[in-house]
Structure formats: C-alpha cells, structure tokens
Protein backbone atom coordinates (compact mmCIF):
# COMPACT_ATOMS: atom_id res chain seq x y z
CA MET A 1 85.24 116.36 117.86
CA ALA A 2 83.44 114.70 114.97
CA GLY A 3 84.45 115.44 111.41
CA LEU A 4 82.31 116.88 108.66
CA ASN A 5 79.22 114.89 107.69
CA GLU A 6 77.84 114.43 104.19
CA ASP A 7 75.27 117.23 104.48
CA GLN A 8 77.96 119.70 105.57
CA LEU A 9 80.23 118.70 102.69
CA ILE A 10 77.39 119.27 100.22
CA GLU A 11 76.67 122.68 101.76
CA ILE A 12 80.33 123.69 101.45
CA ARG A 13 80.51 122.52 97.85
CA HIS A 14 77.41 124.47 96.83
CA ALA A 15 78.69 127.62 98.54
CA LEU A 16 82.09 127.46 96.85
CA ASN A 17 80.44 126.79 93.49
CA ASP A 18 78.45 129.99 94.05
CA GLY A 19 81.61 131.98 94.78
CA LYS A 20 80.87 132.31 98.49
CA GLN A 21 83.29 132.09 101.43
CA VAL A 22 82.80 129.31 103.99
CA TRP A 23 83.70 129.24 107.70
CA ILE A 24 83.86 126.13 109.89
CA ASN A 25 83.73 127.02 113.59
CA ASP A 26 83.45 124.37 116.31
CA GLY A 27 82.36 121.86 113.68
CA GLN A 28 79.54 124.09 112.39
CA VAL A 29 79.43 125.36 108.80
CA ARG A 30 78.66 129.02 108.08
CA VAL A 31 78.24 130.43 104.56
CA ALA A 32 78.57 134.06 103.47
CA ALA A 33 75.34 135.66 102.26
CA ASN A 34 76.95 137.10 99.12
CA ALA A 35 79.58 135.90 96.69
CA SER A 36 83.10 137.26 97.21
CA GLY A 37 84.67 135.93 94.03
CA GLU A 38 84.30 133.71 91.01
CA PRO A 39 82.83 130.23 91.47
CA MET A 40 85.47 127.72 92.50
CA SER A 41 86.65 125.72 89.49
CA GLY A 42 89.73 124.35 87.74
CA PRO A 43 92.93 124.25 89.83
CA ALA A 44 91.16 125.78 92.84
CA TRP A 45 88.58 122.98 92.90
CA GLU A 46 91.26 120.33 92.41
CA SER A 47 93.31 121.80 95.25
CA TYR A 48 90.26 121.85 97.54
CA MET A 49 89.47 118.20 96.80
CA ASN A 50 93.10 117.19 97.43
CA LYS A 51 93.04 118.92 100.83
CA LEU A 52 89.60 117.71 101.84
CA HIS A 53 91.03 114.94 104.04
CA ASP A 54 93.32 117.43 105.83
CA ILE A 55 90.41 119.81 106.29
CA ASP A 56 88.37 117.08 107.97
CA GLN A 57 91.33 116.14 110.19
CA HIS A 58 91.72 119.77 111.31
CA VAL A 59 88.01 119.95 112.13
CA GLN A 60 88.26 116.78 114.23
CA ASN A 61 91.21 118.34 116.10
CA GLY A 62 89.17 121.44 116.96
CA TRP A 63 90.47 123.85 114.32
CA ASN A 64 88.39 126.74 112.99
CA LEU A 65 88.80 127.18 109.24
CA SER A 66 88.02 129.63 106.45
CA ILE A 67 87.76 128.54 102.79
CA THR A 68 87.51 131.02 99.91
CA PRO A 69 86.45 130.27 96.30
CA ASP A 70 90.01 130.86 95.03
CA GLY A 71 91.17 127.79 97.02
CA THR A 72 92.84 129.59 99.95
CA ILE A 73 92.40 127.91 103.33
CA THR A 74 93.33 129.54 106.64
CA GLY A 75 92.65 128.51 110.22
CA ASN A 76 93.64 128.40 113.89
CA ASP A 77 93.41 125.81 116.65
CA ASN A 78 92.44 128.22 119.48
CA LYS A 79 95.75 127.32 121.16
CA GLY A 80 98.05 129.69 119.33
CA GLY A 81 98.51 127.50 116.23
CA SER A 82 97.59 128.71 112.74
CA MET A 83 97.73 127.40 109.18
CA ARG A 84 97.57 128.60 105.59
CA ALA A 85 97.20 126.75 102.27
CA SER A 86 96.70 127.95 98.71
CA VAL A 87 96.38 126.53 95.21
CA ASP A 88 99.97 127.36 94.23
CA PRO A 89 102.47 125.21 96.18
CA SER A 90 105.20 127.77 95.61
CA ILE A 91 105.88 130.39 98.28
CA ASP A 92 104.19 133.65 97.27
CA GLN A 93 104.31 136.96 99.13
CA LYS A 94 101.34 136.10 101.35
CA ALA A 95 103.06 132.88 102.37
CA MET A 96 106.26 134.82 103.10
CA ASP A 97 104.33 137.25 105.32
CA PHE A 98 102.66 134.36 107.15
CA ALA A 99 106.02 132.69 107.89
CA HIS A 100 107.68 135.95 108.99
CA SER A 101 104.84 136.78 111.36
CA ALA A 102 104.86 133.31 112.92
CA ILE A 103 108.64 133.17 113.43
CA ASN A 104 108.70 136.71 114.82
CA GLY A 105 106.08 135.59 117.35
CA GLY A 106 108.34 132.75 118.54
CA GLN A 107 106.58 129.98 116.61
CA GLN A 108 107.98 127.25 114.41
CA VAL A 109 106.74 126.99 110.82
CA ARG A 110 106.28 123.64 109.12
CA ILE A 111 105.95 123.73 105.32
CA GLU A 112 104.43 120.70 103.60
CA PRO A 113 105.36 119.67 100.04
CA ASP A 114 102.06 121.10 98.74
CA GLY A 115 102.90 124.51 100.22
CA THR A 116 100.65 124.23 103.28
CA MET A 117 102.12 126.14 106.24
CA VAL A 118 101.38 125.29 109.86
CA ALA A 119 102.66 127.51 112.68
CA THR A 120 102.74 126.14 116.22
CA THR A 121 104.48 127.01 119.47
CA PRO A 122 107.50 124.73 120.03
CA GLN A 123 108.17 123.03 123.34
CA TYR A 124 111.54 124.05 124.83
CA ASP A 125 113.20 123.25 128.10
CA PRO A 126 111.79 125.21 131.05
CA GLY A 127 113.23 128.71 131.22
CA TYR A 128 114.52 128.78 127.64
CA GLU A 129 113.24 131.12 124.93
CA PRO A 130 114.93 132.08 121.64
CA ASP A 131 116.33 135.59 121.68
CA ALA A 132 115.84 138.28 119.05
CA GLN A 133 119.09 137.48 117.25
CA GLN A 134 118.13 133.83 116.84
CA ILE A 135 114.71 134.83 115.52
CA GLN A 136 116.26 137.07 112.87
CA MET A 137 118.69 134.36 111.91
CA SER A 138 115.75 131.96 111.48
CA ILE A 139 113.88 134.41 109.24
CA HIS A 140 117.03 134.92 107.15
CA LYS A 141 117.49 131.16 106.80
CA PHE A 142 113.87 130.81 105.63
CA ASP A 143 114.24 133.60 103.04
CA GLU A 144 117.49 132.09 101.75
CA ALA A 145 115.91 128.63 101.38
CA VAL A 146 113.08 130.13 99.32
CA SER A 147 115.28 132.32 97.09
CA SER A 148 117.96 129.66 96.46
CA GLY A 149 115.42 126.98 95.50
CA SER A 150 116.64 124.56 98.16
CA LEU A 151 113.19 124.55 99.78
CA GLN A 152 111.58 123.62 96.46
CA THR A 153 114.16 120.86 95.95
CA LEU A 154 113.27 119.35 99.32
CA HIS A 155 109.57 119.60 98.50
CA ASN A 156 110.18 117.79 95.22
CA GLN A 157 111.60 114.94 97.30
CA GLY A 158 108.42 114.87 99.35
CA ALA A 159 110.07 116.44 102.39
CA ALA A 160 108.39 118.62 104.97
CA VAL A 161 110.67 121.40 106.25
CA THR A 162 110.39 123.10 109.65
CA PHE A 163 112.03 126.41 110.55
CA GLU A 164 112.51 126.93 114.29
CA PRO A 165 112.70 130.39 115.91
CA ASN A 166 116.07 129.38 117.40
CA ALA A 167 117.65 129.41 113.91
CA THR A 168 117.51 125.64 113.39
CA GLN A 169 116.01 123.83 110.41
CA THR A 170 114.80 120.24 110.16
CA GLU A 171 113.71 118.16 107.18
CA GLU A 172 111.49 115.10 107.16
CA ILE A 173 112.30 113.20 103.97
CA PRO A 174 110.19 110.10 103.33
CA LEU A 175 112.23 106.96 102.66
CA ALA A 176 111.44 104.34 100.04
CA PRO A 177 110.67 100.85 101.38
CA PRO A 178 113.69 98.51 101.38
CA SER A 179 114.11 96.53 98.19
CA THR A 180 113.94 92.75 98.43
CA SER A 181 114.57 91.97 94.75
CA GLY A 182 118.30 91.30 95.27
CA THR A 183 117.99 89.31 98.48
CA PRO A 184 118.88 85.63 97.89
CA THR A 185 116.48 83.10 99.24
CA ALA A 186 117.29 79.55 100.32
CA ASP A 187 115.59 76.69 98.49
CA LEU A 188 113.83 74.85 101.28
CA GLY A 189 111.95 72.51 98.96
CA PRO A 190 108.23 72.49 98.22
CA ASP A 191 105.77 73.87 100.68
CA PRO A 192 103.96 70.98 102.46
CA SER A 193 100.67 72.75 101.89
CA SER A 194 101.35 72.81 98.16
CA LEU A 195 101.81 69.03 98.23
CA ASP A 196 98.39 68.64 99.81
CA ASP A 197 96.89 70.85 97.12
CA ALA A 198 98.64 68.83 94.40
CA ALA A 199 97.38 65.43 95.64
CA PRO A 200 93.99 65.61 93.82
CA GLN A 201 95.76 66.64 90.63
CA VAL A 202 98.20 63.71 90.87
CA ALA A 203 95.30 61.30 91.41
CA ALA A 204 93.46 62.74 88.41
CA ALA A 205 96.57 62.42 86.25
CA ALA A 206 97.00 58.78 87.31
CA ALA A 207 93.38 58.07 86.37
CA ASP A 208 93.93 59.57 82.92
CA GLU A 209 96.99 57.42 82.16
CA PRO A 210 95.00 54.36 80.92
CA ALA A 211 93.00 56.60 78.57
CA ALA A 212 96.17 58.06 77.18
CA ALA A 213 97.63 54.59 76.68
CA ALA A 214 94.48 53.48 74.87
CA ALA A 215 94.77 56.40 72.49
CA ALA A 216 98.34 55.31 71.66
CA ASP A 217 97.55 51.54 71.44
CA PRO A 218 94.01 50.53 70.32
CA GLY A 219 94.51 47.14 71.99
CA THR A 220 94.83 48.70 75.44
CA ILE A 221 91.81 48.69 77.73
CA ALA A 222 90.87 52.35 78.32
CA THR A 223 88.69 51.94 81.36
CA GLY A 224 91.55 52.21 83.84
CA ASP A 225 90.67 48.76 85.26
CA GLN A 226 92.82 45.66 85.17
CA PRO A 227 92.29 43.26 82.18
CA ALA A 228 89.70 40.54 82.67
CA PRO A 229 91.24 37.31 84.02
CA SER A 230 91.64 34.32 81.71
CA PRO A 231 89.56 31.14 82.30
CA ALA A 232 92.57 29.49 83.87
CA ALA A 233 92.87 32.34 86.30
CA ASP A 234 89.22 31.84 87.28
CA LEU A 235 90.13 28.33 88.34
CA GLY A 236 92.82 29.61 90.59
CA GLY A 237 95.61 27.95 88.60
CA PRO A 238 98.39 29.29 86.42
CA THR A 239 97.91 30.20 82.81
CA PRO A 240 99.10 27.59 80.30
CA SER A 241 101.78 29.88 78.95
CA GLU A 242 103.59 30.57 82.21
CA PRO A 243 104.15 28.53 85.38
CA SER A 244 102.88 29.69 88.70
CA ALA A 245 105.34 31.52 90.90
CA PRO A 246 105.70 30.72 94.58
CA SER A 247 104.10 33.20 96.90
CA LEU A 248 106.36 35.39 99.04
CA ASP A 249 103.80 35.59 101.84
CA ASP A 250 105.27 33.81 104.92
CA GLY A 251 106.82 31.11 102.76
CA GLN A 252 103.42 29.75 101.62
CA GLN A 253 102.99 28.74 98.00
CA THR A 254 100.06 29.18 95.71
CA PRO A 255 97.86 26.06 95.65
CA GLN A 256 98.59 23.85 92.56
CA PHE A 257 96.14 21.81 90.52
CA ASP A 258 97.21 18.51 88.94
CA ASP A 259 96.33 17.32 85.49
CA GLN A 260 93.40 15.33 86.82
CA THR A 261 91.88 18.43 88.31
CA MET A 262 92.47 20.43 85.18
CA ASN A 263 90.94 17.66 82.99
CA ASP A 264 88.01 16.92 85.30
CA PRO A 265 84.87 17.28 83.22
CA SER A 266 83.05 18.59 86.27
CA VAL A 267 85.31 21.59 86.25
CA ASP A 268 84.25 23.18 83.05
CA ASP A 269 83.69 26.62 81.75
CA ALA A 270 80.16 27.93 81.78
CA PRO A 271 78.19 26.76 78.74
CA SER A 272 77.89 29.30 76.02
CA THR A 273 74.33 28.19 75.04
CA LEU A 274 71.21 27.26 76.97
CA ASP A 275 70.49 23.51 77.13
CA VAL A 276 66.79 23.19 76.35
CA ALA A 277 66.81 19.56 77.57
CA SER A 278 67.50 20.41 81.14
CA SER A 279 65.75 18.64 83.94
CA ASP A 280 63.48 21.56 84.53
CA ASP A 281 61.90 21.35 81.06
CA PRO A 282 58.60 19.41 80.59
CA PRO A 283 58.74 15.97 78.91
CA SER A 284 59.10 16.14 75.15
CA TYR A 285 56.16 15.00 73.00
CA ASP A 286 56.94 12.09 70.60
CA SER A 287 55.06 12.71 67.41
CA SER A 288 55.86 9.18 66.12
CA ALA A 289 53.34 7.71 68.51
CA ASP A 290 50.53 9.49 66.66
CA ASP A 291 51.80 8.24 63.31
CA SER A 292 51.78 4.56 64.46
CA SER A 293 48.34 4.62 65.96
CA ASP A 294 45.37 3.21 64.07
CA VAL A 295 43.01 5.67 62.49
C-alpha cells in the first residue's frame, strides 16, 4: 500500500491544529467534524513530527491509525497486532494497561526507546502455547522492569525491549561502529595515482626555478632557456677558454677546426653595420667632375 501523500499530510496537520482527531483507514484520511481537545502544539507537535516517518511506514504496511491532538497514536494491523504511542516516553497507567491486555491475550509486547508499544502474536513451534502461569510471570516481569527503572535504563541505551507471554525477555541494544583510530596501518609508499596528480605540479615547479634563480642573482637569465651560445660556439668549435672534449657517442669525436680555419677571413661574424657600398647599390656620383668642367 502507498504511503501518505502531500495533500493528506496537509489535511492531517490542519485537523490537528484545529484540535480534531484524525483516522487513517486503508490509506484514507478521515477527520472528526468537531474538535475534541486543544490544538496540537508544543511537545505534542514535536512528538508527532518525530513519529511521522513511523506513521507513514505503518500506513504502507496496512495499519489503521488514530491520532489525537494531545499526540497519542493508536492503531491495529487487522491481523491481531496493535500499537500505542504517546508524547511522554515513560510508561504511564494507560501504557501499563495496554501491555497487560496484550500479554494476557498471548501477545508479545515490544517497547521502543521513545515509549512506543507494539503488540503482535509471536510464532511458536506447532502445538505450543504459553500457559496461564507463564503469562502471569511475564506480566510480573514487565511490572518489575518498570518499577525498578531497569526498563528506562535500557531505553537510555537505545535498546528496544520485548516481553514474551512465555515469561522471557529480550533486549535489542544498538552497538557502536568499531573504532579504527587505534588500528596501525602499514606504510606502503605513495599512491601511484597521487604521483600522476603531482606530475603537473613538479613540472610547474621546475619551470619556476630559473625565475627564482634570477631573483637571487641579477646576472642569471630568467627566461628558463639556455644562455645564448658564444660566437665560437656558432662556428661549431670550442670556446677559447676551454678545449673541446671528445664525444662519448660511439667513440666519435667532435670535429676540430685548425688555426687556418679559425683565422680565415671568409669565416667572419656578421657585420654589425650595413655596408652602403654593396654591389646592389647604384653607382656613386662624382661631384668633382662638375667642378672641373668648363662653364
């Protein structure tokens, strides 16, 4: 069965705010014509909102429910099961009467930490039913748990407690997740994926090294490129200050240039100025010719 839709939730809220009782039967919402109490507010409203998810779950499971403006919720599942919830999580007299009636009828009673009681028929082996003495013992055990405070202690731990008509009692105490803070872990080195992520950062840091060196030494080239080669390097020969070193590539040596090659006028650096008397210029005009001519 589908749960409550938005329109039904709004209808229930308006009815409770008007002090009217609400019934939910077969997924349909019915509202009393007249108010039966004060408008729902304060702790009653907070309790209703906290139980709204459980209400919707019961509706989906086919339960019929009744909700009053004081926050009391009762219902049945049409299969012998029943439930009761109120604003006060402690066990009041109405809750005691509900539990006694259910256990006397051969049902088990489950009590949630918020005080919600759910009575259902337990499944026993074929042919077995608790006798009257066991039922009385179960009721006595329930009363003793309430009066001694042991039931409240279990509820404070988040436990749900079930009283069986055969005089047995079970607790469901939630356990905290296992702690991993004290578990030693082996150092397996860096994660390969982290190395891939760090590669761009390493490349960027390498590119920034020349700039950092330039800031420390003004004479350092800050472009990140290699220094410009000297004129001697352009000629393929060694610099005057240091001899050429033999190449380590397959025993071959770097080609050498003799003094004649180095002193060859044809091998010269590029001129620093433009020669205006190049062969491409037009013939120069000799002004002395005009001075020697007859007037």
